[in-house]
Amino acid sequence: MTHGLIFDIKKYAIHDGPGLRTTIFFKGCPLNCWWCHNPESQSPQREMILYENRCIRCGACLAACPQQAITWLDGEPITDRAMCEHCGTCVSECYAEVRQIVGREMTVEQVMAEIEPDLAFYDESHGGVTFSGGEPLLQRDFLLALLQACHARELHTAIDTCGFASWETLDQIRPFTDLFLYDLKLIDDERHREFTGVTNHSILRNLQDLSALGHSIVIRIPIVPGLNDDDEAIRQLAEFIAALPRRHPIDLLAYHHIAVDKYLRLGKPYRLFEVRRPDTNRLSEIALVLQQFDLPVTISE
């Protein structure tokens, strides 16, 4: 039975492709972007989220943990994340709902059972299903089975991807993908490595190949002040996109601070506390540069 790790399912989504959609969020991503707004999506394993402000210090979690990963320190329960095996025993014993496991093993049938009740909404709005993450291509076999199941039901499918995958993987899933929401951060490989942790060689090559094959693609560019919003970075993006075999719409995504609390609850460092949202004037300037290359641009703030 084909199964995968999902961390969220969002119904009636309106920003992940055309119409009303159900967005399935896959857990695990090969990139480690500094600005990631879903840090719980990065690890390919289940994780523990802690809402420490809810804790009533009853000690139930300490008594319940079979790994003894929770100890007292200065009157506070401290979780050793390296020892935690994410079994969920402490979650069920915590009456204050401090603890939450992120990541659920699901079968294709279970995911489709979440999708199918809303078929009428997809039909009326010309919507469908979007597979996001994390990076859905990281769970290729599971993704492929879901795409095939959706196409068997004549559902429009979209994949929100960073493009960091082998061409073999993309070649397998592309016949069942109606739309690619393709994230593009930087053209300069050294800067891409610094801010995402990986090279962009395959990302750029895969985008070129998908464009050459005539696929429907929306290119999404996150705009992060100080990281990729300078004139040179924007010019490089414009030149690369303009040189693709086909014209594709571009969606500029303004960086935001919404995810800060998620990092804290996961015990992960957040690197961009000093970075502010790009202002409207700068976003308009960036859009104008892209439009000068005859590229269609929208701004999502």
Protein backbone atom coordinates (compact mmCIF):
# COMPACT_ATOMS: atom_id res chain seq x y z
CA MET A 1 0.00 0.00 0.00
CA THR A 2 1.45 3.37 -1.06
CA HIS A 3 1.67 5.86 1.78
CA GLY A 4 3.44 9.09 2.64
CA LEU A 5 3.96 11.69 5.35
CA ILE A 6 1.53 14.65 5.34
CA PHE A 7 1.65 17.57 7.77
CA ASP A 8 -1.50 19.46 6.81
CA ILE A 9 -4.52 19.51 4.51
CA LYS A 10 -6.11 22.86 3.70
CA LYS A 11 -9.56 22.97 2.14
CA TYR A 12 -11.03 25.84 0.10
CA ALA A 13 -7.58 27.25 -0.67
CA ILE A 14 -7.62 30.17 -3.13
CA HIS A 15 -3.92 31.00 -3.53
CA ASP A 16 -2.59 27.62 -4.73
CA GLY A 17 -3.86 27.52 -8.29
CA PRO A 18 -7.13 28.29 -10.09
CA GLY A 19 -10.51 28.07 -8.37
CA LEU A 20 -11.24 26.54 -4.99
CA ARG A 21 -8.71 23.87 -4.12
CA THR A 22 -7.68 21.33 -1.54
CA THR A 23 -3.98 21.71 -0.77
CA ILE A 24 -2.12 18.66 0.50
CA PHE A 25 1.10 19.54 2.35
CA PHE A 26 3.87 16.94 2.11
CA LYS A 27 6.46 16.75 4.89
CA GLY A 28 10.12 16.91 3.98
CA CYS A 29 12.11 19.33 1.81
CA PRO A 30 15.66 19.17 0.38
CA LEU A 31 16.02 22.95 0.79
CA ASN A 32 16.51 24.87 4.02
CA CYS A 33 15.44 28.37 2.98
CA TRP A 34 16.14 31.06 5.54
CA TRP A 35 12.68 32.59 4.98
CA CYS A 36 10.66 29.36 4.95
CA HIS A 37 7.15 30.05 6.30
CA ASN A 38 6.47 26.36 6.93
CA PRO A 39 9.47 25.21 9.02
CA GLU A 40 7.45 22.19 10.16
CA SER A 41 7.59 21.03 6.54
CA GLN A 42 11.38 20.78 6.30
CA SER A 43 12.16 17.56 8.16
CA PRO A 44 11.08 14.30 6.47
CA GLN A 45 10.34 12.91 9.94
CA ARG A 46 7.57 13.52 12.45
CA GLU A 47 8.31 16.38 14.86
CA MET A 48 7.11 17.73 18.18
CA ILE A 49 5.64 21.22 18.46
CA LEU A 50 5.48 22.76 21.94
CA TYR A 51 3.03 25.49 22.98
CA GLU A 52 4.96 26.19 26.17
CA ASN A 53 2.77 29.10 27.28
CA ARG A 54 -0.09 26.62 27.83
CA CYS A 55 1.87 24.45 30.28
CA ILE A 56 0.34 24.06 33.77
CA ARG A 57 3.39 22.12 35.07
CA CYS A 58 1.37 19.10 36.15
CA GLY A 59 4.17 16.64 35.29
CA ALA A 60 1.93 14.24 33.35
CA CYS A 61 4.25 14.35 30.34
CA LEU A 62 7.29 13.34 32.42
CA ALA A 63 5.53 10.31 33.83
CA ALA A 64 4.20 9.29 30.42
CA CYS A 65 7.35 9.52 28.27
CA PRO A 66 8.73 5.99 27.64
CA GLN A 67 12.07 7.44 26.41
CA GLN A 68 12.51 9.65 29.49
CA ALA A 69 13.10 12.53 27.10
CA ILE A 70 11.38 15.02 29.43
CA THR A 71 13.00 16.30 32.63
CA TRP A 72 12.43 19.07 35.18
CA LEU A 73 14.69 22.12 35.10
CA ASP A 74 13.99 25.06 37.40
CA GLY A 75 10.37 24.00 37.71
CA GLU A 76 9.83 23.66 33.96
CA PRO A 77 9.45 20.47 31.86
CA ILE A 78 12.27 20.37 29.31
CA THR A 79 12.07 18.09 26.26
CA ASP A 80 15.27 16.62 24.84
CA ARG A 81 14.34 16.62 21.16
CA ALA A 82 17.26 14.32 20.30
CA MET A 83 15.86 11.62 22.60
CA CYS A 84 12.22 12.10 21.60
CA GLU A 85 10.95 9.37 19.25
CA HIS A 86 7.66 11.18 18.52
CA CYS A 87 5.59 8.27 19.76
CA GLY A 88 2.85 10.65 20.89
CA THR A 89 2.38 9.18 24.37
CA CYS A 90 2.99 12.53 26.06
CA VAL A 91 0.57 14.23 23.66
CA SER A 92 -2.35 12.08 24.74
CA GLU A 93 -1.48 12.62 28.43
CA CYS A 94 -1.14 16.41 28.22
CA TYR A 95 -4.49 17.85 29.25
CA ALA A 96 -3.32 21.42 28.58
CA GLU A 97 -2.62 20.56 24.91
CA VAL A 98 0.95 21.81 25.09
CA ARG A 99 2.26 19.10 22.78
CA GLN A 100 1.47 18.31 19.18
CA ILE A 101 3.01 15.84 16.73
CA VAL A 102 3.47 17.23 13.22
CA GLY A 103 3.37 14.63 10.47
CA ARG A 104 0.81 11.94 9.77
CA GLU A 105 1.32 8.77 7.77
CA MET A 106 -1.48 8.55 5.21
CA THR A 107 -2.39 6.20 2.39
CA VAL A 108 -3.54 7.31 -1.04
CA GLU A 109 -7.04 6.18 -0.12
CA GLN A 110 -7.04 8.29 3.05
CA VAL A 111 -5.92 11.41 1.20
CA MET A 112 -8.50 10.89 -1.55
CA ALA A 113 -11.17 10.52 1.13
CA GLU A 114 -10.28 14.08 2.22
CA ILE A 115 -10.46 15.35 -1.37
CA GLU A 116 -13.58 13.69 -2.76
CA PRO A 117 -16.29 15.32 -0.57
CA ASP A 118 -15.56 18.66 -2.27
CA LEU A 119 -15.85 17.54 -5.90
CA ALA A 120 -18.81 19.87 -6.48
CA PHE A 121 -16.78 22.90 -5.34
CA TYR A 122 -13.95 22.00 -7.71
CA ASP A 123 -16.38 21.67 -10.63
CA GLU A 124 -18.17 24.97 -9.99
CA SER A 125 -15.02 27.03 -9.41
CA HIS A 126 -12.80 25.25 -11.96
CA GLY A 127 -10.57 24.32 -9.05
CA GLY A 128 -8.86 21.11 -8.05
CA VAL A 129 -6.07 19.71 -5.91
CA THR A 130 -2.64 21.19 -5.18
CA PHE A 131 0.24 19.18 -3.77
CA SER A 132 2.57 21.39 -1.76
CA GLY A 133 5.01 21.05 1.08
CA GLY A 134 7.71 20.79 1.96
CA GLU A 135 8.58 19.37 -1.41
CA PRO A 136 6.11 16.83 -2.83
CA LEU A 137 8.65 15.50 -5.34
CA LEU A 138 10.64 14.14 -2.38
CA GLN A 139 7.90 11.50 -1.96
CA ARG A 140 7.73 10.60 -5.64
CA ASP A 141 5.87 7.28 -5.54
CA PHE A 142 3.23 8.59 -3.16
CA LEU A 143 2.80 11.77 -5.20
CA LEU A 144 2.54 9.84 -8.46
CA ALA A 145 -0.16 7.56 -7.06
CA LEU A 146 -2.15 10.58 -5.83
CA LEU A 147 -1.82 12.40 -9.15
CA GLN A 148 -3.04 9.33 -11.00
CA ALA A 149 -5.97 8.94 -8.60
CA CYS A 150 -6.92 12.59 -9.14
CA HIS A 151 -6.72 12.30 -12.92
CA ALA A 152 -8.86 9.16 -12.81
CA ARG A 153 -11.52 11.41 -11.22
CA GLU A 154 -10.85 14.17 -13.79
CA LEU A 155 -9.55 16.56 -11.12
CA HIS A 156 -7.26 19.45 -12.05
CA THR A 157 -3.86 18.92 -10.41
CA ALA A 158 -1.14 21.38 -9.45
CA ILE A 159 2.26 20.89 -7.83
CA ASP A 160 3.95 23.61 -5.78
CA THR A 161 7.61 22.72 -6.16
CA CYS A 162 11.10 24.09 -5.63
CA GLY A 163 12.22 22.05 -8.65
CA PHE A 164 15.12 20.40 -6.83
CA ALA A 165 14.71 16.84 -8.14
CA SER A 166 16.01 14.49 -10.78
CA TRP A 167 14.54 14.80 -14.26
CA GLU A 168 13.54 11.15 -13.95
CA THR A 169 11.20 12.12 -11.10
CA LEU A 170 9.70 15.06 -12.98
CA ASP A 171 9.32 13.01 -16.14
CA GLN A 172 7.26 10.44 -14.25
CA ILE A 173 4.86 12.90 -12.65
CA ARG A 174 4.49 15.54 -15.38
CA PRO A 175 1.92 13.64 -17.53
CA PHE A 176 -0.48 13.82 -14.58
CA THR A 177 0.28 17.43 -13.59
CA ASP A 178 -1.89 20.18 -15.08
CA LEU A 179 -0.03 23.10 -13.49
CA PHE A 180 3.38 23.66 -11.94
CA LEU A 181 3.71 26.39 -9.32
CA TYR A 182 7.47 26.69 -9.64
CA ASP A 183 9.46 28.49 -6.94
CA LEU A 184 12.46 30.44 -8.19
CA LYS A 185 14.64 32.24 -5.65
CA LEU A 186 17.99 33.25 -7.12
CA ILE A 187 20.03 32.73 -10.27
CA ASP A 188 23.43 33.25 -8.63
CA ASP A 189 24.39 29.76 -7.47
CA GLU A 190 26.68 30.88 -4.64
CA ARG A 191 23.94 32.98 -3.07
CA HIS A 192 21.40 30.24 -3.67
CA ARG A 193 23.59 27.78 -1.78
CA GLU A 194 24.01 30.26 1.08
CA PHE A 195 20.32 30.99 1.56
CA THR A 196 18.76 27.60 0.69
CA GLY A 197 21.53 25.06 1.36
CA VAL A 198 21.57 23.58 -2.16
CA THR A 199 22.79 24.36 -5.67
CA ASN A 200 20.25 25.65 -8.16
CA HIS A 201 21.65 23.85 -11.22
CA SER A 202 18.93 21.19 -11.44
CA ILE A 203 16.24 23.73 -10.46
CA LEU A 204 17.06 25.96 -13.42
CA ARG A 205 17.55 23.08 -15.84
CA ASN A 206 14.28 21.40 -14.87
CA LEU A 207 12.37 24.66 -15.36
CA GLN A 208 13.88 25.07 -18.82
CA ASP A 209 12.94 21.50 -19.76
CA LEU A 210 9.36 21.78 -18.46
CA SER A 211 8.93 25.02 -20.37
CA ALA A 212 10.30 23.46 -23.56
CA LEU A 213 7.77 20.63 -23.25
CA GLY A 214 4.91 23.12 -23.12
CA HIS A 215 3.78 22.67 -19.53
CA SER A 216 1.59 25.22 -17.80
CA ILE A 217 3.80 26.97 -15.23
CA VAL A 218 3.42 29.87 -12.83
CA ILE A 219 6.81 31.07 -11.60
CA ARG A 220 6.72 32.14 -7.96
CA ILE A 221 9.47 34.43 -6.67
CA PRO A 222 9.70 35.15 -2.92
CA ILE A 223 11.00 38.68 -2.39
CA VAL A 224 13.17 38.85 0.74
CA PRO A 225 14.79 42.24 1.48
CA GLY A 226 18.56 42.01 1.63
CA LEU A 227 18.67 38.47 0.26
CA ASN A 228 17.29 38.55 -3.28
CA ASP A 229 15.68 41.95 -3.88
CA ASP A 230 18.71 43.88 -5.13
CA ASP A 231 18.78 45.16 -8.71
CA GLU A 232 21.34 42.61 -9.91
CA ALA A 233 19.43 39.62 -8.51
CA ILE A 234 16.19 40.84 -10.10
CA ARG A 235 17.88 41.49 -13.45
CA GLN A 236 19.34 37.96 -13.45
CA LEU A 237 15.91 36.48 -12.71
CA ALA A 238 14.31 38.55 -15.47
CA GLU A 239 16.91 37.53 -18.05
CA PHE A 240 16.64 33.84 -17.19
CA ILE A 241 12.83 33.78 -17.25
CA ALA A 242 12.67 35.81 -20.47
CA ALA A 243 14.98 33.27 -22.14
CA LEU A 244 12.73 30.29 -21.33
CA PRO A 245 11.21 28.54 -24.36
CA ARG A 246 7.73 29.84 -23.43
CA ARG A 247 6.33 32.86 -21.60
CA HIS A 248 5.05 32.08 -18.11
CA PRO A 249 3.24 34.30 -15.60
CA ILE A 250 5.22 35.42 -12.54
CA ASP A 251 3.85 35.83 -9.03
CA LEU A 252 5.92 37.92 -6.61
CA LEU A 253 5.51 36.72 -3.02
CA ALA A 254 6.28 39.27 -0.33
CA TYR A 255 8.33 37.96 2.61
CA HIS A 256 6.54 38.08 5.96
CA HIS A 257 7.15 37.26 9.65
CA ILE A 258 4.13 35.02 10.15
CA ALA A 259 6.20 31.88 10.79
CA VAL A 260 8.37 33.17 13.65
CA ASP A 261 6.32 31.43 16.35
CA LYS A 262 6.49 28.14 14.44
CA TYR A 263 10.30 28.18 14.64
CA LEU A 264 10.19 28.80 18.38
CA ARG A 265 7.69 25.98 18.95
CA LEU A 266 9.90 23.60 16.97
CA GLY A 267 13.03 24.66 18.84
CA LYS A 268 14.60 25.94 15.61
CA PRO A 269 16.56 29.19 15.18
CA TYR A 270 15.02 32.00 13.12
CA ARG A 271 17.59 33.98 11.15
CA LEU A 272 15.62 36.92 9.80
CA PHE A 273 14.30 38.76 12.85
CA GLU A 274 15.76 42.03 11.52
CA VAL A 275 14.27 41.68 8.03
CA ARG A 276 11.04 43.55 7.34
CA ARG A 277 8.40 42.96 4.69
CA PRO A 278 9.29 44.53 1.35
CA ASP A 279 7.41 47.79 0.94
CA THR A 280 4.85 48.29 -1.80
CA ASN A 281 7.06 50.69 -3.75
CA ARG A 282 9.93 48.20 -3.96
CA LEU A 283 7.61 45.40 -5.07
CA SER A 284 6.25 47.67 -7.80
CA GLU A 285 9.80 48.53 -8.91
CA ILE A 286 10.67 44.83 -9.14
CA ALA A 287 7.49 44.13 -11.10
CA LEU A 288 8.37 46.94 -13.51
CA VAL A 289 11.82 45.45 -14.19
CA LEU A 290 10.25 42.10 -15.03
CA GLN A 291 7.59 43.75 -17.20
CA GLN A 292 10.33 45.50 -19.18
CA PHE A 293 11.32 41.99 -20.30
CA ASP A 294 7.73 41.49 -21.52
CA LEU A 295 6.92 39.19 -18.58
CA PRO A 296 3.42 39.10 -17.04
CA VAL A 297 3.65 39.84 -13.30
CA THR A 298 1.30 39.84 -10.32
CA ILE A 299 2.14 40.77 -6.72
CA SER A 300 0.87 38.69 -3.79
CA GLU A 301 1.34 40.52 -0.50
